[in-house]
């Protein structure tokens, strides 16, 4: 009888020991300063499992997406849970990474919350991680997956400047994990988990998905996408959500050759529709229905400058296709492994005032005369961010000389062969503070004396006074040789894609210049662009594609 009671007592003690759960709170600091507005990391740990979350998650007040990590003991299997939305939870497991961790053990010790801790050091992606762990609690755990096989981790320091330290430890009878980790959970592989979690952190507006931009009478509009200029322009109407001050906007286009072997001018743009006439009217009714610009050189240029009743298309990103990427990858050169796709991505946060809560026609143009043409995918992403580089609340379209309707009769921008160049009058209804001209420029003329291959100064005049002058020139084109399988090779050992050009390279984005104009008073103003455009030689001519929008704060 006594033996039975004794056995039962020891069994009770063992179960009590096994069931003992610790709740540990951690705070993070950087360079000796505790991070403000943080939600302390929370760990629930016993011999069976270790949960890592934070107090906001525990209180069910965390913003989506968020994660909870579970480490199963003694196998050290990591189960990651990502809460993407209120009704969407995914998970993945990892049975190997903890076992692969290696440490250099030291003789250093110190007390943390009264517990004797030892120090171990490891390297992760060139970062030095110091782990302080204790064996006094008789269980393994900690605020991250690092050191889960050492003991109980009470402090982790990265590169001597980033620290997470235990602030309080207490024993609890039960945790709140069942109230948090509930509902349907979809399992996926680790790569799929990371991808879904990453994409849930921002808003994605899908515009085009593997659409063809070519030159063909067979290119027709459908209920989703409109096609113009024999298929060289595609358009789709997109509704933008409200975009807050602390959010960044990116446009991203992916392009492949679908038959065209040459480097071509491309642009992603939107059509302002806040005036009685828009660029979209010209697409539907013909380019000559748009306002005409004349500077005395005898030519007429339609739809390129702002007027009282018209705004030109606003350029979101200027890009240039590579020589035949993907379609012509069968052209082999020793030690050249061609890329399969050209990615173009640009920060367009400065255009936020023209996009937020607007429904706009978004378009893409690639100039080509090939029936196969090019394949493109386009999306716009909106990201929460603490970065506040662009503080303008106003975007005023001024000019865009890129002949987007080239295959529908819009002339090349050759107006710079006249001293007047490009001359735009505009009226500000209110004073504009911290005004900038967002200016994108590329020179064209595909022969040795053409402006594509001859450096030329671009001079910007405001109200008759020169305000900025520079030579737009790219010398890094050879860096993108692996994107250009069909680029011709010359006797001198260079290929066409290697050559320096007037602010562009085959397979790249052309960055805009932000030209400071200061504070502008309400009333009439004039922007003038002058470029010493090269002369015509036979049928060869030079041209300059320039676009400009005025940014500032009213």
Protein backbone atom coordinates (compact mmCIF):
# COMPACT_ATOMS: atom_id res chain seq x y z
CA UNK A 1 0.00 0.00 0.00
CA UNK A 2 2.76 2.43 0.98
CA UNK A 3 4.71 1.47 -2.12
CA UNK A 4 1.70 2.20 -4.31
CA UNK A 5 1.27 5.62 -2.71
CA UNK A 6 4.96 6.35 -3.12
CA UNK A 7 4.91 5.40 -6.81
CA UNK A 8 1.84 7.55 -7.39
CA UNK A 9 3.53 10.48 -5.64
CA UNK A 10 6.65 10.25 -7.82
CA UNK A 11 4.50 9.85 -10.93
CA UNK A 12 2.67 13.05 -9.94
CA UNK A 13 5.97 14.87 -9.45
CA UNK A 14 7.23 13.73 -12.86
CA UNK A 15 4.04 14.85 -14.58
CA UNK A 16 4.20 18.17 -12.75
CA UNK A 17 7.79 18.64 -13.87
CA UNK A 18 6.96 17.73 -17.45
CA UNK A 19 3.95 20.00 -17.53
CA UNK A 20 5.79 23.00 -16.06
CA UNK A 21 5.48 25.94 -18.46
CA UNK A 22 7.43 29.17 -18.29
CA UNK A 23 6.27 32.50 -19.66
CA UNK A 24 9.16 34.79 -20.58
CA UNK A 25 8.96 38.41 -21.75
CA UNK A 26 11.76 39.94 -23.85
CA UNK A 27 12.54 43.52 -24.89
CA UNK A 28 14.55 44.60 -27.93
CA UNK A 29 17.10 47.42 -28.02
CA UNK A 30 19.45 48.96 -30.55
CA UNK A 31 22.76 50.64 -29.73
CA UNK A 32 21.85 50.65 -26.07
CA UNK A 33 18.40 52.23 -26.49
CA UNK A 34 15.21 50.28 -25.92
CA UNK A 35 13.07 50.38 -29.05
CA UNK A 36 9.97 52.48 -28.55
CA UNK A 37 6.44 51.30 -29.33
CA UNK A 38 7.56 47.67 -29.49
CA UNK A 39 5.34 44.80 -28.51
CA UNK A 40 7.50 42.65 -26.20
CA UNK A 41 8.41 39.21 -27.48
CA UNK A 42 6.56 36.50 -25.58
CA UNK A 43 7.75 32.90 -25.13
CA UNK A 44 5.80 30.00 -23.65
CA UNK A 45 8.05 27.03 -23.11
CA UNK A 46 8.04 23.60 -21.51
CA UNK A 47 9.72 20.28 -22.21
CA UNK A 48 7.23 19.51 -24.98
CA UNK A 49 7.04 22.72 -26.99
CA UNK A 50 8.17 26.32 -27.28
CA UNK A 51 5.89 29.05 -28.70
CA UNK A 52 7.31 32.41 -29.84
CA UNK A 53 4.97 35.37 -30.45
CA UNK A 54 4.43 38.84 -28.94
CA UNK A 55 1.97 40.52 -26.62
CA UNK A 56 -0.10 42.09 -29.39
CA UNK A 57 -0.65 38.68 -30.92
CA UNK A 58 -1.58 37.29 -27.52
CA UNK A 59 -4.14 40.10 -27.09
CA UNK A 60 -5.35 39.51 -30.67
CA UNK A 61 -4.58 43.11 -31.59
CA UNK A 62 -1.75 42.48 -34.05
CA UNK A 63 -1.94 43.83 -37.58
CA UNK A 64 -1.90 41.29 -40.40
CA UNK A 65 0.30 39.62 -41.43
CA UNK A 66 1.98 38.21 -38.34
CA UNK A 67 3.72 34.98 -37.37
CA UNK A 68 3.81 32.50 -34.51
CA UNK A 69 6.66 30.02 -34.25
CA UNK A 70 6.40 26.67 -32.52
CA UNK A 71 9.41 24.47 -31.75
CA UNK A 72 8.51 20.89 -30.95
CA UNK A 73 10.72 19.19 -28.37
CA UNK A 74 12.89 17.18 -28.26
CA UNK A 75 13.09 16.93 -32.09
CA UNK A 76 13.53 20.72 -32.48
CA UNK A 77 11.11 20.72 -35.40
CA UNK A 78 10.16 24.29 -36.26
CA UNK A 79 6.50 24.87 -37.16
CA UNK A 80 5.89 28.35 -38.58
CA UNK A 81 2.37 29.82 -38.71
CA UNK A 82 1.63 32.92 -40.79
CA UNK A 83 -1.65 34.75 -40.25
CA UNK A 84 -2.13 36.47 -43.62
CA UNK A 85 -5.72 37.59 -42.98
CA UNK A 86 -8.34 36.98 -40.32
CA UNK A 87 -9.47 33.86 -42.17
CA UNK A 88 -6.23 32.79 -43.84
CA UNK A 89 -3.50 30.93 -41.94
CA UNK A 90 -0.66 28.99 -43.54
CA UNK A 91 2.05 26.85 -42.00
CA UNK A 92 5.27 25.09 -42.86
CA UNK A 93 7.71 22.84 -41.00
CA UNK A 94 11.48 22.59 -40.79
CA UNK A 95 13.13 19.58 -39.16
CA UNK A 96 16.73 20.38 -40.06
CA UNK A 97 17.82 23.97 -39.40
CA UNK A 98 18.22 23.80 -35.60
CA UNK A 99 20.42 20.71 -35.87
CA UNK A 100 22.61 22.47 -38.44
CA UNK A 101 23.41 25.37 -36.11
CA UNK A 102 27.04 25.45 -35.01
CA UNK A 103 28.48 27.41 -32.10
CA UNK A 104 31.79 28.38 -30.59
CA UNK A 105 31.47 27.89 -26.84
CA UNK A 106 33.19 30.29 -24.44
CA UNK A 107 33.99 30.31 -20.75
CA UNK A 108 32.16 33.61 -20.22
CA UNK A 109 29.22 33.65 -17.82
CA UNK A 110 26.84 36.26 -16.41
CA UNK A 111 23.60 36.49 -14.48
CA UNK A 112 20.33 37.35 -16.21
CA UNK A 113 17.25 37.57 -13.97
CA UNK A 114 19.18 35.60 -11.37
CA UNK A 115 20.01 32.71 -13.69
CA UNK A 116 23.60 31.78 -14.53
CA UNK A 117 24.08 32.07 -18.30
CA UNK A 118 26.85 30.87 -20.59
CA UNK A 119 27.83 32.48 -23.90
CA UNK A 120 28.01 30.77 -27.28
CA UNK A 121 28.85 32.51 -30.56
CA UNK A 122 27.72 31.75 -34.10
CA UNK A 123 27.88 33.36 -37.54
CA UNK A 124 24.78 33.85 -39.69
CA UNK A 125 25.09 35.58 -43.07
CA UNK A 126 28.23 37.45 -41.96
CA UNK A 127 26.52 38.55 -38.74
CA UNK A 128 28.11 37.69 -35.40
CA UNK A 129 25.46 36.35 -33.01
CA UNK A 130 26.16 36.00 -29.28
CA UNK A 131 23.74 33.72 -27.45
CA UNK A 132 23.42 33.73 -23.65
CA UNK A 133 21.67 30.61 -22.36
CA UNK A 134 21.00 28.94 -19.03
CA UNK A 135 20.62 25.31 -18.02
CA UNK A 136 19.06 26.22 -14.67
CA UNK A 137 15.49 25.93 -16.03
CA UNK A 138 16.07 22.34 -17.21
CA UNK A 139 14.31 23.04 -20.54
CA UNK A 140 15.32 24.38 -23.93
CA UNK A 141 13.80 27.41 -25.62
CA UNK A 142 14.22 31.08 -26.36
CA UNK A 143 12.98 34.13 -28.29
CA UNK A 144 14.09 32.81 -31.70
CA UNK A 145 15.05 29.56 -33.36
CA UNK A 146 18.74 30.32 -32.66
CA UNK A 147 20.16 28.26 -29.83
CA UNK A 148 17.13 26.06 -29.30
CA UNK A 149 19.43 23.08 -28.70
CA UNK A 150 21.67 24.82 -26.13
CA UNK A 151 19.46 25.47 -23.11
CA UNK A 152 17.07 28.31 -22.39
CA UNK A 153 18.19 31.45 -24.23
CA UNK A 154 17.73 34.64 -22.22
CA UNK A 155 19.65 37.06 -24.43
CA UNK A 156 20.76 37.34 -28.07
CA UNK A 157 23.07 40.06 -29.35
CA UNK A 158 23.80 40.68 -33.02
CA UNK A 159 26.93 42.55 -34.11
CA UNK A 160 27.26 44.21 -30.69
CA UNK A 161 24.43 46.63 -31.49
CA UNK A 162 21.12 44.76 -31.63
CA UNK A 163 19.88 43.06 -28.50
CA UNK A 164 16.90 41.08 -27.25
CA UNK A 165 16.92 40.38 -23.51
CA UNK A 166 14.59 38.58 -21.11
CA UNK A 167 12.85 41.00 -18.73
CA UNK A 168 10.64 38.67 -16.71
CA UNK A 169 10.15 34.94 -16.14
CA UNK A 170 7.22 33.31 -14.41
CA UNK A 171 5.63 29.89 -14.14
CA UNK A 172 2.14 29.51 -15.58
CA UNK A 173 -0.38 26.67 -15.38
CA UNK A 174 -1.66 27.23 -18.89
CA UNK A 175 -1.05 29.43 -21.92
CA UNK A 176 -3.41 31.39 -24.18
CA UNK A 177 -2.15 29.69 -27.33
CA UNK A 178 -5.42 27.88 -28.02
CA UNK A 179 -7.25 31.20 -28.16
CA UNK A 180 -4.79 32.54 -30.74
CA UNK A 181 -3.82 29.54 -32.82
CA UNK A 182 -7.21 28.40 -34.05
CA UNK A 183 -9.10 28.01 -37.28
CA UNK A 184 -8.31 26.29 -40.55
CA UNK A 185 -4.58 26.09 -41.37
CA UNK A 186 -3.21 25.30 -44.83
CA UNK A 187 0.20 23.64 -44.95
CA UNK A 188 2.72 24.46 -47.66
CA UNK A 189 6.41 24.02 -48.40
CA UNK A 190 8.96 26.44 -46.95
CA UNK A 191 9.53 28.37 -50.18
CA UNK A 192 5.80 28.74 -50.82
CA UNK A 193 5.28 29.85 -47.21
CA UNK A 194 7.90 32.60 -47.47
CA UNK A 195 6.50 33.77 -50.79
CA UNK A 196 2.89 33.98 -49.56
CA UNK A 197 3.97 35.75 -46.37
CA UNK A 198 6.09 38.25 -48.31
CA UNK A 199 3.30 39.04 -50.77
CA UNK A 200 0.79 39.53 -47.97
CA UNK A 201 2.84 42.45 -46.64
CA UNK A 202 1.89 44.74 -49.54
CA UNK A 203 -0.94 45.44 -51.98
CA UNK A 204 -0.53 44.19 -55.53
CA UNK A 205 -2.47 45.64 -58.46
CA UNK A 206 -2.23 43.22 -61.37
CA UNK A 207 -2.29 45.08 -64.67
CA UNK A 208 -1.02 42.75 -67.44
CA UNK A 209 -0.15 39.06 -67.30
CA UNK A 210 1.93 37.69 -70.21
CA UNK A 211 0.30 40.00 -72.73
CA UNK A 212 1.65 40.42 -76.24
CA UNK A 213 2.83 43.79 -77.57
CA UNK A 214 3.34 43.40 -81.30
CA UNK A 215 2.58 44.93 -84.68
CA UNK A 216 -0.30 43.14 -86.34
CA UNK A 217 -3.70 43.85 -87.86
CA UNK A 218 -4.91 40.87 -85.86
CA UNK A 219 -4.34 42.65 -82.51
CA UNK A 220 -7.80 43.36 -81.14
CA UNK A 221 -9.23 44.73 -77.91
CA UNK A 222 -11.26 42.55 -75.58
CA UNK A 223 -13.41 43.20 -72.51
CA UNK A 224 -10.35 43.50 -70.25
CA UNK A 225 -7.58 44.99 -72.37
CA UNK A 226 -7.69 47.62 -75.11
CA UNK A 227 -5.12 47.50 -77.91
CA UNK A 228 -4.14 50.41 -80.10
CA UNK A 229 -1.66 51.29 -82.84
CA UNK A 230 -1.74 47.80 -84.37
CA UNK A 231 -1.07 46.16 -81.01
CA UNK A 232 1.97 48.20 -79.92
CA UNK A 233 -0.06 49.80 -77.09
CA UNK A 234 -2.08 47.91 -74.49
CA UNK A 235 -4.32 49.63 -71.93
CA UNK A 236 -6.26 48.57 -68.85
CA UNK A 237 -8.33 50.58 -66.37
CA UNK A 238 -7.10 50.16 -62.79
CA UNK A 239 -8.72 51.32 -59.55
CA UNK A 240 -6.19 52.53 -56.99
CA UNK A 241 -6.95 52.35 -53.26
CA UNK A 242 -6.34 55.21 -50.89
CA UNK A 243 -2.57 55.48 -50.54
CA UNK A 244 -1.42 56.93 -47.23
CA UNK A 245 1.52 59.23 -46.63
CA UNK A 246 3.68 56.43 -45.23
CA UNK A 247 3.34 54.14 -48.25
CA UNK A 248 5.64 53.60 -51.22
CA UNK A 249 4.56 52.70 -54.75
CA UNK A 250 6.51 50.62 -57.24
CA UNK A 251 5.84 49.73 -60.85
CA UNK A 252 7.33 46.46 -62.10
CA UNK A 253 7.36 45.11 -65.64
CA UNK A 254 8.81 41.83 -66.91
CA UNK A 255 9.56 41.50 -70.62
CA UNK A 256 10.66 38.83 -73.08
CA UNK A 257 11.08 38.77 -76.83
CA UNK A 258 8.29 36.96 -78.61
CA UNK A 259 9.89 37.35 -82.04
CA UNK A 260 11.42 40.84 -82.18
CA UNK A 261 15.22 40.67 -82.00
CA UNK A 262 15.94 44.38 -81.53
CA UNK A 263 16.28 46.85 -78.68
CA UNK A 264 13.13 48.97 -78.52
CA UNK A 265 11.84 51.97 -76.64
CA UNK A 266 9.21 51.11 -74.05
CA UNK A 267 7.17 53.08 -71.54
CA UNK A 268 4.63 52.47 -68.79
CA UNK A 269 2.23 55.40 -68.43
CA UNK A 270 -1.13 56.51 -67.13
CA UNK A 271 -3.67 58.83 -68.69
CA UNK A 272 -4.83 61.84 -66.63
CA UNK A 273 -8.53 62.43 -67.20
CA UNK A 274 -9.10 65.55 -65.12
CA UNK A 275 -9.47 67.84 -68.14
CA UNK A 276 -11.96 67.91 -71.00
CA UNK A 277 -9.58 66.10 -73.36
CA UNK A 278 -7.17 63.24 -72.66
CA UNK A 279 -4.55 61.15 -74.41
CA UNK A 280 -7.09 58.33 -74.43
CA UNK A 281 -9.25 60.39 -76.78
CA UNK A 282 -6.37 60.42 -79.24
CA UNK A 283 -6.02 56.66 -78.99
CA UNK A 284 -9.68 56.17 -79.82
CA UNK A 285 -10.21 58.98 -82.33
CA UNK A 286 -6.77 59.49 -83.86
CA UNK A 287 -3.64 61.35 -82.83
CA UNK A 288 -4.52 64.45 -84.86
CA UNK A 289 -7.53 65.10 -82.63
CA UNK A 290 -5.10 66.03 -79.84
CA UNK A 291 -3.66 69.54 -79.31
CA UNK A 292 -0.79 70.33 -81.67
CA UNK A 293 2.60 71.74 -80.71
CA UNK A 294 4.56 73.78 -83.25
CA UNK A 295 7.88 75.52 -82.72
CA UNK A 296 8.60 76.90 -86.17
CA UNK A 297 10.51 73.96 -87.68
CA UNK A 298 7.63 73.16 -90.02
CA UNK A 299 6.43 70.03 -88.22
CA UNK A 300 3.41 69.34 -86.09
CA UNK A 301 3.64 67.32 -82.89
CA UNK A 302 0.35 66.10 -81.46
CA UNK A 303 -0.56 65.42 -77.84
CA UNK A 304 2.84 66.11 -76.27
CA UNK A 305 2.31 69.29 -74.21
CA UNK A 306 -0.21 70.36 -71.58
CA UNK A 307 -2.82 72.95 -72.49
CA UNK A 308 -5.70 74.52 -70.60
CA UNK A 309 -7.95 71.62 -71.60
CA UNK A 310 -5.46 68.74 -72.05
CA UNK A 311 -2.82 66.83 -70.10
CA UNK A 312 -0.34 64.52 -71.84
CA UNK A 313 0.22 60.91 -70.77
CA UNK A 314 2.29 60.71 -67.56
CA UNK A 315 5.29 58.44 -67.74
CA UNK A 316 5.62 56.01 -64.87
CA UNK A 317 8.71 54.21 -66.18
CA UNK A 318 10.90 54.41 -69.30
CA UNK A 319 12.51 51.10 -70.26
CA UNK A 320 14.36 49.59 -73.19
CA UNK A 321 14.03 46.03 -74.38
CA UNK A 322 17.12 43.91 -74.78
CA UNK A 323 18.21 42.35 -78.06
CA UNK A 324 15.95 39.28 -78.35
CA UNK A 325 15.99 38.04 -74.75
CA UNK A 326 14.57 34.52 -74.35
CA UNK A 327 13.35 34.07 -77.95
CA UNK A 328 16.90 34.18 -79.31
CA UNK A 329 18.69 32.44 -76.45
CA UNK A 330 19.61 29.69 -78.93
CA UNK A 331 22.34 32.01 -80.25
CA UNK A 332 25.28 30.55 -78.38
CA UNK A 333 28.53 32.17 -77.35
CA UNK A 334 31.14 30.48 -75.19
CA UNK A 335 30.73 31.22 -71.47
CA UNK A 336 27.58 33.26 -72.09
CA UNK A 337 24.53 32.00 -70.21
CA UNK A 338 21.69 34.23 -71.35
CA UNK A 339 19.05 35.57 -69.01
CA UNK A 340 15.45 34.55 -69.75
CA UNK A 341 13.62 37.70 -68.74
CA UNK A 342 14.26 41.44 -68.43
CA UNK A 343 12.95 42.84 -65.11
CA UNK A 344 12.26 46.57 -64.80
CA UNK A 345 11.25 48.16 -61.49
CA UNK A 346 10.97 51.77 -60.40
CA UNK A 347 9.85 53.75 -57.36
CA UNK A 348 6.94 55.99 -58.40
CA UNK A 349 5.91 57.21 -54.94
CA UNK A 350 6.23 60.82 -56.17
CA UNK A 351 3.17 60.22 -58.38
CA UNK A 352 1.00 59.26 -55.39
CA UNK A 353 -1.24 62.39 -55.52
CA UNK A 354 -2.30 61.44 -59.06
CA UNK A 355 -2.94 57.79 -58.21
CA UNK A 356 -4.54 57.57 -54.77
CA UNK A 357 -8.26 56.69 -54.97
CA UNK A 358 -8.26 57.22 -58.74
CA UNK A 359 -9.49 54.95 -61.52
CA UNK A 360 -7.03 55.37 -64.39
CA UNK A 361 -6.07 53.92 -67.73
CA UNK A 362 -2.65 52.30 -67.34
CA UNK A 363 -0.76 51.60 -70.56
CA UNK A 364 2.39 50.02 -71.89
CA UNK A 365 4.02 50.74 -75.25
CA UNK A 366 6.90 49.01 -77.03
CA UNK A 367 7.80 50.38 -80.43
CA UNK A 368 8.25 47.50 -82.90
CA UNK A 369 7.16 46.28 -86.32
CA UNK A 370 7.27 42.57 -85.56
CA UNK A 371 4.26 40.25 -85.61
CA UNK A 372 5.65 38.25 -82.70
CA UNK A 373 6.74 41.33 -80.80
CA UNK A 374 7.20 41.07 -77.03
CA UNK A 375 5.55 39.47 -73.99
CA UNK A 376 5.05 41.62 -70.89
CA UNK A 377 3.66 41.31 -67.39
CA UNK A 378 2.98 44.43 -65.34
CA UNK A 379 2.00 45.03 -61.74
CA UNK A 380 1.96 47.94 -59.31
CA UNK A 381 2.70 47.33 -55.64
CA UNK A 382 1.93 49.53 -52.62
CA UNK A 383 4.06 49.13 -49.48
CA UNK A 384 3.78 50.48 -45.96
CA UNK A 385 7.00 52.28 -45.16
CA UNK A 386 8.63 54.76 -42.81
CA UNK A 387 10.47 56.34 -45.73
CA UNK A 388 9.19 59.83 -46.54
CA UNK A 389 11.45 61.06 -49.33
CA UNK A 390 8.58 62.24 -51.49
CA UNK A 391 6.42 64.73 -49.62
CA UNK A 392 4.75 66.43 -52.59
CA UNK A 393 0.96 66.66 -52.65
CA UNK A 394 0.76 67.89 -56.24
CA UNK A 395 1.58 66.38 -59.63
CA UNK A 396 1.15 68.57 -62.73
CA UNK A 397 1.77 66.93 -66.13
CA UNK A 398 3.70 69.25 -68.48
CA UNK A 399 5.08 67.33 -71.47
CA UNK A 400 5.79 63.90 -72.92
CA UNK A 401 7.41 63.82 -76.37
CA UNK A 402 7.76 60.02 -76.52
CA UNK A 403 5.71 59.09 -79.60
CA UNK A 404 3.63 56.40 -77.92
CA UNK A 405 1.32 56.33 -80.96
CA UNK A 406 4.26 55.88 -83.35
CA UNK A 407 2.50 53.05 -85.20
CA UNK A 408 -0.64 55.22 -85.46
CA UNK A 409 1.01 58.23 -87.04
CA UNK A 410 2.52 60.15 -84.11
CA UNK A 411 5.77 61.78 -85.27
CA UNK A 412 9.18 61.39 -83.67
CA UNK A 413 10.27 64.14 -81.30
CA UNK A 414 12.58 66.09 -83.61
CA UNK A 415 11.57 69.54 -82.33
CA UNK A 416 15.02 70.16 -80.86
CA UNK A 417 16.46 70.97 -84.30
CA UNK A 418 15.05 74.45 -83.70
CA UNK A 419 16.46 76.82 -81.08
CA UNK A 420 13.04 77.12 -79.46
CA UNK A 421 13.11 73.38 -78.70
CA UNK A 422 10.25 72.41 -76.44
CA UNK A 423 8.28 75.34 -74.99
CA UNK A 424 5.47 74.77 -72.45
CA UNK A 425 3.31 77.41 -70.78
CA UNK A 426 1.37 76.48 -67.66
CA UNK A 427 -0.63 78.26 -64.97
CA UNK A 428 -0.44 77.52 -61.26
CA UNK A 429 -3.68 78.13 -59.41
CA UNK A 430 -1.82 78.20 -56.08
CA UNK A 431 1.72 78.81 -54.87
CA UNK A 432 3.84 75.67 -55.19
CA UNK A 433 6.49 75.03 -52.55
CA UNK A 434 9.62 72.93 -53.09
CA UNK A 435 8.86 72.56 -56.78
CA UNK A 436 10.73 69.91 -58.77
CA UNK A 437 10.67 68.93 -62.40
CA UNK A 438 10.70 65.16 -62.75
CA UNK A 439 12.52 64.92 -66.06
CA UNK A 440 13.20 61.76 -68.08
CA UNK A 441 15.29 61.99 -71.25
CA UNK A 442 16.80 59.64 -73.83
CA UNK A 443 18.47 60.44 -77.14
CA UNK A 444 17.89 58.45 -80.33
CA UNK A 445 19.39 58.15 -83.79
CA UNK A 446 20.78 54.74 -84.54
CA UNK A 447 23.94 55.45 -86.51
CA UNK A 448 27.40 56.65 -85.55
CA UNK A 449 26.57 60.37 -85.89
CA UNK A 450 23.10 60.00 -84.39
CA UNK A 451 22.30 61.50 -81.01
CA UNK A 452 21.92 58.01 -79.53
CA UNK A 453 25.72 57.73 -79.64
CA UNK A 454 26.75 61.39 -79.28
CA UNK A 455 26.67 63.11 -75.85
CA UNK A 456 24.40 66.18 -75.94
CA UNK A 457 23.62 68.68 -73.19
CA UNK A 458 19.99 69.00 -72.05
CA UNK A 459 19.26 72.52 -70.77
CA UNK A 460 16.14 73.36 -68.77
CA UNK A 461 14.88 76.96 -68.62
CA UNK A 462 12.30 78.28 -66.16
CA UNK A 463 10.64 81.57 -67.06
CA UNK A 464 13.43 82.40 -69.50
CA UNK A 465 16.35 81.62 -67.15
CA UNK A 466 18.48 78.50 -67.33
CA UNK A 467 17.95 76.43 -64.19
CA UNK A 468 19.71 73.16 -64.98
CA UNK A 469 21.97 71.69 -67.64
CA UNK A 470 23.51 68.23 -67.88
CA UNK A 471 24.68 65.59 -70.37
CA UNK A 472 22.54 62.44 -70.05
CA UNK A 473 24.87 59.55 -70.83
CA UNK A 474 25.15 55.86 -69.87
CA UNK A 475 28.53 54.14 -69.83
CA UNK A 476 27.44 50.91 -68.11
CA UNK A 477 25.66 49.20 -71.01
CA UNK A 478 28.23 46.40 -71.20
CA UNK A 479 27.05 45.23 -67.77
CA UNK A 480 23.88 43.87 -69.38
CA UNK A 481 25.44 41.71 -72.12
CA UNK A 482 23.80 38.55 -70.75
CA UNK A 483 20.35 40.07 -71.41
CA UNK A 484 21.17 40.58 -75.11
CA UNK A 485 21.60 37.28 -76.97
CA UNK A 486 20.85 38.78 -80.41
CA UNK A 487 23.16 41.78 -80.02
CA UNK A 488 25.52 42.00 -82.98
CA UNK A 489 29.25 41.47 -82.45
CA UNK A 490 31.69 43.90 -84.09
CA UNK A 491 35.25 43.36 -85.39
CA UNK A 492 36.61 45.36 -82.45
CA UNK A 493 35.31 42.75 -79.97
CA UNK A 494 32.36 44.81 -78.76
CA UNK A 495 28.68 44.08 -79.25
CA UNK A 496 26.00 46.64 -79.98
CA UNK A 497 24.59 46.30 -76.47
CA UNK A 498 27.99 47.26 -74.99
CA UNK A 499 28.04 50.72 -76.52
CA UNK A 500 27.47 53.81 -74.38
CA UNK A 501 24.31 55.73 -75.19
CA UNK A 502 22.34 58.88 -74.49
CA UNK A 503 20.91 57.87 -71.11
CA UNK A 504 19.78 54.33 -71.91
CA UNK A 505 21.06 50.79 -72.32
CA UNK A 506 19.35 47.78 -73.97
CA UNK A 507 17.58 45.87 -71.21
CA UNK A 508 17.42 48.61 -68.56
CA UNK A 509 15.29 51.34 -67.00
CA UNK A 510 16.15 55.01 -67.55
CA UNK A 511 16.08 56.89 -64.26
CA UNK A 512 14.44 60.32 -64.12
CA UNK A 513 16.22 63.47 -62.94
CA UNK A 514 14.62 65.53 -60.18
CA UNK A 515 15.42 69.15 -60.97
CA UNK A 516 14.98 71.60 -58.09
CA UNK A 517 12.97 74.71 -59.07
CA UNK A 518 12.42 76.27 -55.64
CA UNK A 519 9.13 77.89 -54.64
CA UNK A 520 6.87 78.99 -57.50
CA UNK A 521 4.22 81.67 -57.21
CA UNK A 522 0.68 81.23 -58.49
CA UNK A 523 0.25 82.43 -62.06
CA UNK A 524 1.75 81.76 -65.48
CA UNK A 525 5.14 80.08 -65.95
CA UNK A 526 7.19 78.70 -68.83
CA UNK A 527 9.33 75.56 -68.99
CA UNK A 528 11.65 75.29 -71.98
CA UNK A 529 13.93 72.39 -72.95
CA UNK A 530 16.81 72.90 -75.38
CA UNK A 531 19.03 70.16 -76.85
CA UNK A 532 21.52 70.63 -79.73
CA UNK A 533 19.91 67.92 -81.86
CA UNK A 534 22.12 66.50 -84.61
CA UNK A 535 21.34 67.12 -88.32
CA UNK A 536 19.53 64.66 -90.57
CA UNK A 537 21.72 62.53 -92.84
CA UNK A 538 19.74 61.10 -95.74
CA UNK A 539 16.90 59.12 -94.19
CA UNK A 540 18.61 58.99 -90.79
CA UNK A 541 17.56 61.50 -88.15
CA UNK A 542 17.96 62.14 -84.43
CA UNK A 543 15.22 62.65 -81.86
CA UNK A 544 14.83 63.08 -78.11
CA UNK A 545 12.15 61.50 -75.94
CA UNK A 546 11.66 63.78 -72.95
CA UNK A 547 8.89 63.76 -70.37
CA UNK A 548 8.29 66.07 -67.46
CA UNK A 549 5.87 66.48 -64.58
CA UNK A 550 5.94 69.25 -61.98
CA UNK A 551 6.03 68.10 -58.36
CA UNK A 552 5.55 70.17 -55.24
CA UNK A 553 3.27 71.08 -52.35
CA UNK A 554 0.41 73.52 -52.56
